[in-house]
């Protein structure tokens, strides 16, 4: 995948995180923190692949709509 593809995925996931958390600072902190639901990986690190970005988006949507995470 090209660098622009990775950058685009990161941008989209970051925008969703800001929407979910209501704050850019909180969203960026969450994206950079290891997450139990992601096997201790950071959401940011997973966004280098399409499947990883989908996993992060699924987690964010679960948080937004009252999931258990």
Protein backbone atom coordinates (compact mmCIF):
# COMPACT_ATOMS: atom_id res chain seq x y z
CA UNK A 1 0.00 0.00 0.00
CA UNK A 2 1.27 3.43 -0.80
CA UNK A 3 2.16 6.00 1.83
CA UNK A 4 -0.80 8.09 0.69
CA UNK A 5 -3.13 5.14 1.37
CA UNK A 6 -1.81 4.78 4.90
CA UNK A 7 -2.07 8.54 5.48
CA UNK A 8 -5.65 8.52 4.20
CA UNK A 9 -6.60 5.64 6.53
CA UNK A 10 -5.00 7.41 9.48
CA UNK A 11 -6.85 10.61 8.64
CA UNK A 12 -10.19 8.81 8.42
CA UNK A 13 -9.67 6.91 11.67
CA UNK A 14 -8.49 10.08 13.42
CA UNK A 15 -11.62 11.93 12.27
CA UNK A 16 -13.83 9.14 13.60
CA UNK A 17 -11.93 9.10 16.91
CA UNK A 18 -12.41 12.86 17.28
CA UNK A 19 -16.12 12.42 16.61
CA UNK A 20 -16.39 9.59 19.15
CA UNK A 21 -14.36 11.26 21.92
CA UNK A 22 -15.42 14.84 21.20
CA UNK A 23 -11.89 16.18 21.45
CA UNK A 24 -8.84 16.05 19.20
CA UNK A 25 -6.49 15.77 22.20
CA UNK A 26 -8.42 12.85 23.68
CA UNK A 27 -8.68 11.12 20.31
CA UNK A 28 -4.95 11.42 19.62
CA UNK A 29 -4.11 10.15 23.11
CA UNK A 30 -6.41 7.14 22.59
CA UNK A 31 -4.90 6.39 19.17
CA UNK A 32 -1.39 6.40 20.66
CA UNK A 33 -2.18 4.25 23.71
CA UNK A 34 -1.93 0.45 23.87
CA UNK A 35 -5.41 -1.03 23.94
CA UNK A 36 -6.44 -4.30 25.58
CA UNK A 37 -9.11 -4.90 22.92
CA UNK A 38 -6.38 -4.69 20.25
CA UNK A 39 -4.07 -7.20 21.96
CA UNK A 40 -2.06 -4.41 23.55
CA UNK A 41 -1.31 -2.70 20.25
CA UNK A 42 -1.97 0.96 19.64
CA UNK A 43 -4.83 1.86 17.33
CA UNK A 44 -2.41 4.06 15.38
CA UNK A 45 -0.07 1.14 14.65
CA UNK A 46 -2.88 -0.97 13.24
CA UNK A 47 -3.88 1.65 10.69
CA UNK A 48 -0.95 0.75 8.46
CA UNK A 49 -3.11 -2.02 6.99
CA UNK A 50 -6.66 -2.00 5.70
CA UNK A 51 -7.71 -4.82 8.04
CA UNK A 52 -6.10 -3.12 11.02
CA UNK A 53 -7.87 0.15 10.26
CA UNK A 54 -11.18 -1.71 10.00
CA UNK A 55 -10.53 -3.29 13.39
CA UNK A 56 -9.89 0.15 14.92
CA UNK A 57 -13.00 1.62 13.27
CA UNK A 58 -15.07 -1.29 14.62
CA UNK A 59 -13.73 -0.62 18.12
CA UNK A 60 -14.46 3.11 17.86
CA UNK A 61 -18.02 2.41 16.72
CA UNK A 62 -18.44 -0.03 19.59
CA UNK A 63 -17.32 2.68 22.02
CA UNK A 64 -19.60 5.24 20.40
CA UNK A 65 -22.68 3.04 20.51
CA UNK A 66 -22.20 1.61 23.98
CA UNK A 67 -20.10 -1.45 23.32
CA UNK A 68 -18.37 -3.17 26.20
CA UNK A 69 -14.91 -1.80 25.38
